Amino acid sequence: MVTIAIPSSSLINETDEKIKVYKIGSIARAAAIFRVEEIIIYHDSILDESDYIAEVLEYLETPQYLRKYLFPLKRTLRYAGILPPLAIPSHKTKHLKAGEVREGVVRHVAPDGTRWVDIGVKALASLAGSEAPKGARVTVRVCSKKPLVVEEAEPDEYWGYKVRKARIQDVLKREEVVITSRHCRVPEPQELKEMACLNPTFVFGNPEEGVFEIFKRMGIEMREDIKCWNTVPHQGTRTVRLEEAIFATLSIFNLCRYYSGVDRGDLL
């Protein structure tokens, strides 16, 4: 599992709501392209927009046909709909196939316990043996089309990312944490190869401050054994934007995983 951790101050330089949404969309797109399974928003005392960032990230990860149930109309999401779709495997079309796995939301719970689920087609699908409450998001497999019957299932391919908020102190307790900064050293090929077989958490700073500056300002001490990588050596610009650093770091890691034979058969 690949995780990225971004600060709650990730949008500190932006005041225009359209630009804010665009930048969050770029982070979501990077996460989807490189199969990130978890995005952590860690608290930064200088600015906390974690709720807003999380909401837009979750909105983009949700299949379009479920958004009307899971995200009520609100001002903070008014520009999110103009972003291009992530087009991840969980974002299915209306062309239903028997045996496929889809995302759905429970619309009704019958007296006999049957759940009736919207899976993105005109008819609701019946789901038996589930305890999911009304309004819950569920992952199901299509058992038959006529009648439309589904069962709870686990996807066997990349399905999207989860979003959660956390203290950076808790993030740093993880086993395979990698701080990204221009002040770090460039990782050796052997380090990249070894990391390709693990489940790293890449930690990024905000557009104004790197990770070390944020930690120093917040009085956070970092373990000496935590890895610190510069994934954009010899950069040609004065600064590398957060979304650019995420793309650069994940693209390097993804290539290493590929050549190491990790999940090669599961690539999109």
C-alpha atoms as a PDB file:
ATOM      1  CA  MET A   1       0.000   0.000   0.000  1.00  0.00           C
ATOM      2  CA  VAL A   2       1.302   3.440  -0.948  1.00  0.00           C
ATOM      3  CA  THR A   3       0.373   6.415   1.231  1.00  0.00           C
ATOM      4  CA  ILE A   4       0.988  10.127   0.786  1.00  0.00           C
ATOM      5  CA  ALA A   5       0.766  12.637   3.639  1.00  0.00           C
ATOM      6  CA  ILE A   6       0.082  16.295   2.875  1.00  0.00           C
ATOM      7  CA  PRO A   7      -0.351  19.192   5.318  1.00  0.00           C
ATOM      8  CA  SER A   8      -3.610  20.921   6.134  1.00  0.00           C
ATOM      9  CA  SER A   9      -1.844  24.060   4.851  1.00  0.00           C
ATOM     10  CA  SER A  10      -1.427  22.620   1.335  1.00  0.00           C
ATOM     11  CA  LEU A  11      -3.433  25.499  -0.175  1.00  0.00           C
ATOM     12  CA  ILE A  12      -1.786  28.264   1.850  1.00  0.00           C
ATOM     13  CA  ASN A  13      -0.881  30.341  -1.218  1.00  0.00           C
ATOM     14  CA  GLU A  14      -4.332  30.231  -2.789  1.00  0.00           C
ATOM     15  CA  THR A  15      -7.417  32.375  -2.195  1.00  0.00           C
ATOM     16  CA  ASP A  16      -9.347  31.680  -5.404  1.00  0.00           C
ATOM     17  CA  GLU A  17     -11.718  28.736  -4.879  1.00  0.00           C
ATOM     18  CA  LYS A  18     -11.358  27.557  -8.468  1.00  0.00           C
ATOM     19  CA  ILE A  19      -7.561  27.345  -8.138  1.00  0.00           C
ATOM     20  CA  LYS A  20      -7.891  25.569  -4.800  1.00  0.00           C
ATOM     21  CA  VAL A  21     -10.124  22.915  -6.296  1.00  0.00           C
ATOM     22  CA  TYR A  22      -7.840  22.563  -9.313  1.00  0.00           C
ATOM     23  CA  LYS A  23      -4.824  21.915  -7.080  1.00  0.00           C
ATOM     24  CA  ILE A  24      -6.683  19.346  -5.007  1.00  0.00           C
ATOM     25  CA  GLY A  25      -7.755  17.752  -8.274  1.00  0.00           C
ATOM     26  CA  SER A  26      -4.119  17.516  -9.377  1.00  0.00           C
ATOM     27  CA  ILE A  27      -3.229  15.731  -6.129  1.00  0.00           C
ATOM     28  CA  ALA A  28      -6.184  13.360  -6.564  1.00  0.00           C
ATOM     29  CA  ARG A  29      -5.147  12.679 -10.145  1.00  0.00           C
ATOM     30  CA  ALA A  30      -1.566  11.873  -9.106  1.00  0.00           C
ATOM     31  CA  ALA A  31      -2.844   9.547  -6.392  1.00  0.00           C
ATOM     32  CA  ALA A  32      -5.107   7.747  -8.872  1.00  0.00           C
ATOM     33  CA  ILE A  33      -2.496   7.418 -11.620  1.00  0.00           C
ATOM     34  CA  PHE A  34       0.060   5.872  -9.291  1.00  0.00           C
ATOM     35  CA  ARG A  35      -2.421   3.782  -7.284  1.00  0.00           C
ATOM     36  CA  VAL A  36      -2.104   5.521  -3.934  1.00  0.00           C
ATOM     37  CA  GLU A  37      -4.412   3.782  -1.486  1.00  0.00           C
ATOM     38  CA  GLU A  38      -4.391   6.346   1.320  1.00  0.00           C
ATOM     39  CA  ILE A  39      -4.092  10.118   1.499  1.00  0.00           C
ATOM     40  CA  ILE A  40      -3.390  11.474   4.970  1.00  0.00           C
ATOM     41  CA  ILE A  41      -3.947  15.149   5.726  1.00  0.00           C
ATOM     42  CA  TYR A  42      -1.785  16.016   8.695  1.00  0.00           C
ATOM     43  CA  HIS A  43      -2.521  19.013  10.885  1.00  0.00           C
ATOM     44  CA  ASP A  44      -0.398  22.133  10.391  1.00  0.00           C
ATOM     45  CA  SER A  45      -0.978  24.802  13.036  1.00  0.00           C
ATOM     46  CA  ILE A  46      -0.464  27.678  10.593  1.00  0.00           C
ATOM     47  CA  LEU A  47      -3.566  26.803   8.532  1.00  0.00           C
ATOM     48  CA  ASP A  48      -6.104  24.025   8.885  1.00  0.00           C
ATOM     49  CA  GLU A  49      -8.138  23.394   5.748  1.00  0.00           C
ATOM     50  CA  SER A  50      -8.133  19.649   6.269  1.00  0.00           C
ATOM     51  CA  ASP A  51     -11.933  19.312   6.178  1.00  0.00           C
ATOM     52  CA  TYR A  52     -12.162  21.161   2.862  1.00  0.00           C
ATOM     53  CA  ILE A  53      -9.272  19.240   1.279  1.00  0.00           C
ATOM     54  CA  ALA A  54     -10.657  15.909   2.491  1.00  0.00           C
ATOM     55  CA  GLU A  55     -14.140  16.674   1.197  1.00  0.00           C
ATOM     56  CA  VAL A  56     -12.948  17.507  -2.329  1.00  0.00           C
ATOM     57  CA  LEU A  57     -10.628  14.479  -2.429  1.00  0.00           C
ATOM     58  CA  GLU A  58     -13.447  12.172  -1.318  1.00  0.00           C
ATOM     59  CA  TYR A  59     -15.854  13.743  -3.792  1.00  0.00           C
ATOM     60  CA  LEU A  60     -13.463  13.114  -6.685  1.00  0.00           C
ATOM     61  CA  GLU A  61     -12.853   9.510  -5.612  1.00  0.00           C
ATOM     62  CA  THR A  62     -16.588   8.778  -5.485  1.00  0.00           C
ATOM     63  CA  PRO A  63     -18.238   7.424  -8.669  1.00  0.00           C
ATOM     64  CA  GLN A  64     -20.251  10.146 -10.360  1.00  0.00           C
ATOM     65  CA  TYR A  65     -23.582   8.316 -10.010  1.00  0.00           C
ATOM     66  CA  LEU A  66     -23.213   8.131  -6.215  1.00  0.00           C
ATOM     67  CA  ARG A  67     -22.249  11.731  -5.535  1.00  0.00           C
ATOM     68  CA  LYS A  68     -25.828  13.004  -5.382  1.00  0.00           C
ATOM     69  CA  TYR A  69     -26.495  10.677  -2.438  1.00  0.00           C
ATOM     70  CA  LEU A  70     -23.232  11.080  -0.543  1.00  0.00           C
ATOM     71  CA  PHE A  71     -22.518  14.793  -1.091  1.00  0.00           C
ATOM     72  CA  PRO A  72     -25.354  17.259  -0.605  1.00  0.00           C
ATOM     73  CA  LEU A  73     -25.227  20.482  -2.600  1.00  0.00           C
ATOM     74  CA  LYS A  74     -22.909  22.926  -0.887  1.00  0.00           C
ATOM     75  CA  ARG A  75     -20.820  25.937  -1.726  1.00  0.00           C
ATOM     76  CA  THR A  76     -17.446  24.269  -1.073  1.00  0.00           C
ATOM     77  CA  LEU A  77     -18.055  21.759  -3.867  1.00  0.00           C
ATOM     78  CA  ARG A  78     -19.508  24.097  -6.478  1.00  0.00           C
ATOM     79  CA  TYR A  79     -16.357  23.961  -8.629  1.00  0.00           C
ATOM     80  CA  ALA A  80     -15.453  20.318  -8.000  1.00  0.00           C
ATOM     81  CA  GLY A  81     -17.845  19.121 -10.677  1.00  0.00           C
ATOM     82  CA  ILE A  82     -15.870  20.812 -13.466  1.00  0.00           C
ATOM     83  CA  LEU A  83     -12.739  18.767 -12.770  1.00  0.00           C
ATOM     84  CA  PRO A  84     -12.041  15.869 -15.147  1.00  0.00           C
ATOM     85  CA  PRO A  85     -13.004  12.458 -13.736  1.00  0.00           C
ATOM     86  CA  LEU A  86     -10.352  10.240 -12.195  1.00  0.00           C
ATOM     87  CA  ALA A  87     -11.487   7.365 -14.429  1.00  0.00           C
ATOM     88  CA  ILE A  88     -10.382   4.720 -11.925  1.00  0.00           C
ATOM     89  CA  PRO A  89     -11.814   1.170 -12.130  1.00  0.00           C
ATOM     90  CA  SER A  90     -14.508   1.896  -9.536  1.00  0.00           C
ATOM     91  CA  HIS A  91     -15.969   4.619 -11.786  1.00  0.00           C
ATOM     92  CA  LYS A  92     -18.117   2.349 -13.934  1.00  0.00           C
ATOM     93  CA  THR A  93     -20.280   3.273 -16.914  1.00  0.00           C
ATOM     94  CA  LYS A  94     -23.980   2.467 -17.189  1.00  0.00           C
ATOM     95  CA  HIS A  95     -23.203  -0.606 -19.309  1.00  0.00           C
ATOM     96  CA  LEU A  96     -23.712  -3.328 -16.737  1.00  0.00           C
ATOM     97  CA  LYS A  97     -21.831  -6.638 -16.949  1.00  0.00           C
ATOM     98  CA  ALA A  98     -22.579  -9.787 -14.970  1.00  0.00           C
ATOM     99  CA  GLY A  99     -19.719 -10.627 -12.634  1.00  0.00           C
ATOM    100  CA  GLU A 100     -18.274  -7.127 -12.459  1.00  0.00           C
ATOM    101  CA  VAL A 101     -17.617  -5.302  -9.191  1.00  0.00           C
ATOM    102  CA  ARG A 102     -19.251  -1.915  -8.723  1.00  0.00           C
ATOM    103  CA  GLU A 103     -19.766   0.727  -6.076  1.00  0.00           C
ATOM    104  CA  GLY A 104     -23.266   1.387  -4.845  1.00  0.00           C
ATOM    105  CA  VAL A 105     -25.240   3.126  -2.139  1.00  0.00           C
ATOM    106  CA  VAL A 106     -28.043   1.585  -0.075  1.00  0.00           C
ATOM    107  CA  ARG A 107     -31.288   3.357  -0.966  1.00  0.00           C
ATOM    108  CA  HIS A 108     -33.823   1.259   0.952  1.00  0.00           C
ATOM    109  CA  VAL A 109     -33.861  -1.444   3.602  1.00  0.00           C
ATOM    110  CA  ALA A 110     -36.798  -3.835   3.221  1.00  0.00           C
ATOM    111  CA  PRO A 111     -38.614  -5.390   6.225  1.00  0.00           C
ATOM    112  CA  ASP A 112     -36.970  -8.748   5.465  1.00  0.00           C
ATOM    113  CA  GLY A 113     -33.518  -7.157   5.635  1.00  0.00           C
ATOM    114  CA  THR A 114     -32.901  -6.995   1.899  1.00  0.00           C
ATOM    115  CA  ARG A 115     -30.918  -3.927   0.890  1.00  0.00           C
ATOM    116  CA  TRP A 116     -31.872  -2.174  -2.342  1.00  0.00           C
ATOM    117  CA  VAL A 117     -28.798  -0.599  -3.860  1.00  0.00           C
ATOM    118  CA  ASP A 118     -28.223   2.015  -6.554  1.00  0.00           C
ATOM    119  CA  ILE A 119     -25.269   0.805  -8.644  1.00  0.00           C
ATOM    120  CA  GLY A 120     -25.533   3.371 -11.425  1.00  0.00           C
ATOM    121  CA  VAL A 121     -28.305   1.908 -13.564  1.00  0.00           C
ATOM    122  CA  LYS A 122     -32.058   2.592 -13.712  1.00  0.00           C
ATOM    123  CA  ALA A 123     -33.169  -0.311 -11.507  1.00  0.00           C
ATOM    124  CA  LEU A 124     -32.132  -0.866  -7.917  1.00  0.00           C
ATOM    125  CA  ALA A 125     -30.232  -4.079  -7.167  1.00  0.00           C
ATOM    126  CA  SER A 126     -31.208  -6.429  -4.347  1.00  0.00           C
ATOM    127  CA  LEU A 127     -28.508  -7.206  -1.808  1.00  0.00           C
ATOM    128  CA  ALA A 128     -29.077  -9.926   0.776  1.00  0.00           C
ATOM    129  CA  GLY A 129     -27.033 -10.722   3.888  1.00  0.00           C
ATOM    130  CA  SER A 130     -25.735  -7.189   4.394  1.00  0.00           C
ATOM    131  CA  GLU A 131     -25.862  -5.069   7.529  1.00  0.00           C
ATOM    132  CA  ALA A 132     -25.141  -1.805   5.725  1.00  0.00           C
ATOM    133  CA  PRO A 133     -27.529   0.978   6.813  1.00  0.00           C
ATOM    134  CA  LYS A 134     -29.517   3.165   4.452  1.00  0.00           C
ATOM    135  CA  GLY A 135     -27.242   5.707   2.781  1.00  0.00           C
ATOM    136  CA  ALA A 136     -24.087   3.600   3.204  1.00  0.00           C
ATOM    137  CA  ARG A 137     -21.636   3.114   0.374  1.00  0.00           C
ATOM    138  CA  VAL A 138     -21.055  -0.550  -0.480  1.00  0.00           C
ATOM    139  CA  THR A 139     -18.870  -2.514  -2.890  1.00  0.00           C
ATOM    140  CA  VAL A 140     -20.784  -5.275  -4.664  1.00  0.00           C
ATOM    141  CA  ARG A 141     -20.495  -7.874  -7.410  1.00  0.00           C
ATOM    142  CA  VAL A 142     -23.248  -8.254 -10.003  1.00  0.00           C
ATOM    143  CA  CYS A 143     -24.607 -11.806  -9.694  1.00  0.00           C
ATOM    144  CA  SER A 144     -27.317 -11.461 -12.327  1.00  0.00           C
ATOM    145  CA  LYS A 145     -28.804  -8.722 -14.489  1.00  0.00           C
ATOM    146  CA  LYS A 146     -32.401 -10.019 -14.713  1.00  0.00           C
ATOM    147  CA  PRO A 147     -33.353  -9.913 -11.907  1.00  0.00           C
ATOM    148  CA  LEU A 148     -30.679  -7.448 -10.772  1.00  0.00           C
ATOM    149  CA  VAL A 149     -28.994  -9.151  -7.831  1.00  0.00           C
ATOM    150  CA  VAL A 150     -25.684  -8.256  -6.200  1.00  0.00           C
ATOM    151  CA  GLU A 151     -23.521  -9.524  -3.357  1.00  0.00           C
ATOM    152  CA  GLU A 152     -20.923  -7.786  -1.225  1.00  0.00           C
ATOM    153  CA  ALA A 153     -17.434  -8.170  -2.690  1.00  0.00           C
ATOM    154  CA  GLU A 154     -13.833  -7.026  -2.546  1.00  0.00           C
ATOM    155  CA  PRO A 155     -12.238  -5.639  -5.722  1.00  0.00           C
ATOM    156  CA  ASP A 156      -9.182  -7.430  -7.091  1.00  0.00           C
ATOM    157  CA  GLU A 157      -7.717  -4.321  -8.739  1.00  0.00           C
ATOM    158  CA  TYR A 158      -6.853  -0.775  -7.718  1.00  0.00           C
ATOM    159  CA  TRP A 159     -10.113   0.743  -6.528  1.00  0.00           C
ATOM    160  CA  GLY A 160      -9.220   4.242  -5.364  1.00  0.00           C
ATOM    161  CA  TYR A 161      -7.884   5.940  -2.261  1.00  0.00           C
ATOM    162  CA  LYS A 162      -9.145   6.518   1.258  1.00  0.00           C
ATOM    163  CA  VAL A 163      -8.765   9.902   2.945  1.00  0.00           C
ATOM    164  CA  ARG A 164      -8.181  10.498   6.616  1.00  0.00           C
ATOM    165  CA  LYS A 165      -6.880  13.200   8.935  1.00  0.00           C
ATOM    166  CA  ALA A 166      -4.101  12.599  11.455  1.00  0.00           C
ATOM    167  CA  ARG A 167      -1.450  14.229  13.579  1.00  0.00           C
ATOM    168  CA  ILE A 168       1.962  14.254  11.945  1.00  0.00           C
ATOM    169  CA  GLN A 169       3.386  12.725  15.130  1.00  0.00           C
ATOM    170  CA  ASP A 170       1.264   9.629  14.480  1.00  0.00           C
ATOM    171  CA  VAL A 171       2.284   9.525  10.816  1.00  0.00           C
ATOM    172  CA  LEU A 172       5.950   9.536  11.807  1.00  0.00           C
ATOM    173  CA  LYS A 173       5.421   6.419  13.935  1.00  0.00           C
ATOM    174  CA  ARG A 174       4.903   4.342  10.811  1.00  0.00           C
ATOM    175  CA  GLU A 175       7.557   1.867   9.739  1.00  0.00           C
ATOM    176  CA  GLU A 176       8.354   3.076   6.225  1.00  0.00           C
ATOM    177  CA  VAL A 177       8.141   6.866   6.318  1.00  0.00           C
ATOM    178  CA  VAL A 178       9.945   8.883   3.647  1.00  0.00           C
ATOM    179  CA  ILE A 179      10.349  12.633   4.067  1.00  0.00           C
ATOM    180  CA  THR A 180      10.599  14.457   0.732  1.00  0.00           C
ATOM    181  CA  SER A 181      12.682  17.627   0.610  1.00  0.00           C
ATOM    182  CA  ARG A 182      15.262  19.371  -1.559  1.00  0.00           C
ATOM    183  CA  HIS A 183      17.467  19.364   1.550  1.00  0.00           C
ATOM    184  CA  CYS A 184      17.565  15.572   1.574  1.00  0.00           C
ATOM    185  CA  ARG A 185      19.942  13.356  -0.355  1.00  0.00           C
ATOM    186  CA  VAL A 186      19.124  11.666  -3.614  1.00  0.00           C
ATOM    187  CA  PRO A 187      18.241   8.013  -2.904  1.00  0.00           C
ATOM    188  CA  GLU A 188      20.528   5.283  -4.207  1.00  0.00           C
ATOM    189  CA  PRO A 189      19.107   2.786  -6.744  1.00  0.00           C
ATOM    190  CA  GLN A 190      19.368  -0.008  -4.168  1.00  0.00           C
ATOM    191  CA  GLU A 191      17.283   2.005  -1.688  1.00  0.00           C
ATOM    192  CA  LEU A 192      14.599   2.541  -4.297  1.00  0.00           C
ATOM    193  CA  LYS A 193      14.619  -1.160  -5.128  1.00  0.00           C
ATOM    194  CA  GLU A 194      14.227  -2.133  -1.479  1.00  0.00           C
ATOM    195  CA  MET A 195      11.448   0.409  -0.895  1.00  0.00           C
ATOM    196  CA  ALA A 196       9.557  -0.892  -3.933  1.00  0.00           C
ATOM    197  CA  CYS A 197       8.704  -4.055  -2.001  1.00  0.00           C
ATOM    198  CA  LEU A 198       7.422  -2.164   1.049  1.00  0.00           C
ATOM    199  CA  ASN A 199       4.462   0.084   1.923  1.00  0.00           C
ATOM    200  CA  PRO A 200       5.908   3.598   2.127  1.00  0.00           C
ATOM    201  CA  THR A 201       4.340   6.777   3.413  1.00  0.00           C
ATOM    202  CA  PHE A 202       5.683   9.806   1.528  1.00  0.00           C
ATOM    203  CA  VAL A 203       5.458  13.032   3.532  1.00  0.00           C
ATOM    204  CA  PHE A 204       5.284  16.405   1.759  1.00  0.00           C
ATOM    205  CA  GLY A 205       5.417  20.028   2.893  1.00  0.00           C
ATOM    206  CA  ASN A 206       3.305  22.988   1.799  1.00  0.00           C
ATOM    207  CA  PRO A 207       4.006  25.487  -1.045  1.00  0.00           C
ATOM    208  CA  GLU A 208       5.768  27.909   1.317  1.00  0.00           C
ATOM    209  CA  GLU A 209       7.591  25.601   3.710  1.00  0.00           C
ATOM    210  CA  GLY A 210       9.270  22.260   3.372  1.00  0.00           C
ATOM    211  CA  VAL A 211       8.688  19.436   5.810  1.00  0.00           C
ATOM    212  CA  PHE A 212      11.633  20.409   8.010  1.00  0.00           C
ATOM    213  CA  GLU A 213      10.462  24.009   8.285  1.00  0.00           C
ATOM    214  CA  ILE A 214       6.974  22.875   9.290  1.00  0.00           C
ATOM    215  CA  PHE A 215       8.364  20.456  11.871  1.00  0.00           C
ATOM    216  CA  LYS A 216      10.670  23.115  13.333  1.00  0.00           C
ATOM    217  CA  ARG A 217       7.869  25.658  13.607  1.00  0.00           C
ATOM    218  CA  MET A 218       5.604  23.116  15.321  1.00  0.00           C
ATOM    219  CA  GLY A 219       8.333  21.783  17.605  1.00  0.00           C
ATOM    220  CA  ILE A 220       8.175  18.267  16.193  1.00  0.00           C
ATOM    221  CA  GLU A 221      11.167  15.965  16.524  1.00  0.00           C
ATOM    222  CA  MET A 222      11.828  13.376  13.868  1.00  0.00           C
ATOM    223  CA  ARG A 223      13.332   9.940  14.407  1.00  0.00           C
ATOM    224  CA  GLU A 224      16.892   9.657  13.156  1.00  0.00           C
ATOM    225  CA  ASP A 225      16.157   6.477  11.215  1.00  0.00           C
ATOM    226  CA  ILE A 226      13.456   8.057   9.034  1.00  0.00           C
ATOM    227  CA  LYS A 227      14.429   8.176   5.382  1.00  0.00           C
ATOM    228  CA  CYS A 228      14.785  11.556   3.713  1.00  0.00           C
ATOM    229  CA  TRP A 229      14.811  11.747  -0.090  1.00  0.00           C
ATOM    230  CA  ASN A 230      15.252  14.431  -2.710  1.00  0.00           C
ATOM    231  CA  THR A 231      13.221  13.092  -5.625  1.00  0.00           C
ATOM    232  CA  VAL A 232      13.741  16.145  -7.842  1.00  0.00           C
ATOM    233  CA  PRO A 233      17.550  16.566  -7.967  1.00  0.00           C
ATOM    234  CA  HIS A 234      19.014  19.497  -9.918  1.00  0.00           C
ATOM    235  CA  GLN A 235      15.624  21.182 -10.151  1.00  0.00           C
ATOM    236  CA  GLY A 236      15.504  23.971 -12.701  1.00  0.00           C
ATOM    237  CA  THR A 237      13.008  26.125 -10.810  1.00  0.00           C
ATOM    238  CA  ARG A 238      13.357  28.012  -7.549  1.00  0.00           C
ATOM    239  CA  THR A 239      10.661  25.887  -5.969  1.00  0.00           C
ATOM    240  CA  VAL A 240       8.762  22.712  -6.779  1.00  0.00           C
ATOM    241  CA  ARG A 241       5.046  22.950  -6.140  1.00  0.00           C
ATOM    242  CA  LEU A 242       3.367  20.388  -3.907  1.00  0.00           C
ATOM    243  CA  GLU A 243       1.409  18.719  -6.688  1.00  0.00           C
ATOM    244  CA  GLU A 244       4.566  18.606  -8.834  1.00  0.00           C
ATOM    245  CA  ALA A 245       6.569  17.010  -6.034  1.00  0.00           C
ATOM    246  CA  ILE A 246       3.875  14.372  -5.592  1.00  0.00           C
ATOM    247  CA  PHE A 247       3.896  13.513  -9.300  1.00  0.00           C
ATOM    248  CA  ALA A 248       7.712  13.371  -9.380  1.00  0.00           C
ATOM    249  CA  THR A 249       8.023  11.192  -6.281  1.00  0.00           C
ATOM    250  CA  LEU A 250       5.283   8.757  -7.197  1.00  0.00           C
ATOM    251  CA  SER A 251       6.447   8.378 -10.793  1.00  0.00           C
ATOM    252  CA  ILE A 252       9.927   7.375  -9.616  1.00  0.00           C
ATOM    253  CA  PHE A 253       8.511   4.950  -7.079  1.00  0.00           C
ATOM    254  CA  ASN A 254       6.064   3.487  -9.602  1.00  0.00           C
ATOM    255  CA  LEU A 255       8.860   2.819 -12.097  1.00  0.00           C
ATOM    256  CA  CYS A 256      10.920   1.117  -9.388  1.00  0.00           C
ATOM    257  CA  ARG A 257       7.976  -1.094  -8.449  1.00  0.00           C
ATOM    258  CA  TYR A 258       7.509  -2.046 -12.072  1.00  0.00           C
ATOM    259  CA  TYR A 259      11.122  -3.028 -12.668  1.00  0.00           C
ATOM    260  CA  SER A 260      11.194  -4.833  -9.336  1.00  0.00           C
ATOM    261  CA  GLY A 261       8.283  -6.984 -10.501  1.00  0.00           C
ATOM    262  CA  VAL A 262       5.962  -5.768  -7.742  1.00  0.00           C
ATOM    263  CA  ASP A 263       2.287  -5.897  -8.812  1.00  0.00           C
ATOM    264  CA  ARG A 264       3.358  -5.840 -12.445  1.00  0.00           C
ATOM    265  CA  GLY A 265       0.348  -7.857 -13.474  1.00  0.00           C
ATOM    266  CA  ASP A 266      -1.977  -5.454 -11.656  1.00  0.00           C
ATOM    267  CA  LEU A 267      -0.983  -2.329 -13.563  1.00  0.00           C
ATOM    268  CA  LEU A 268      -3.856  -0.411 -15.151  1.00  0.00           C
END
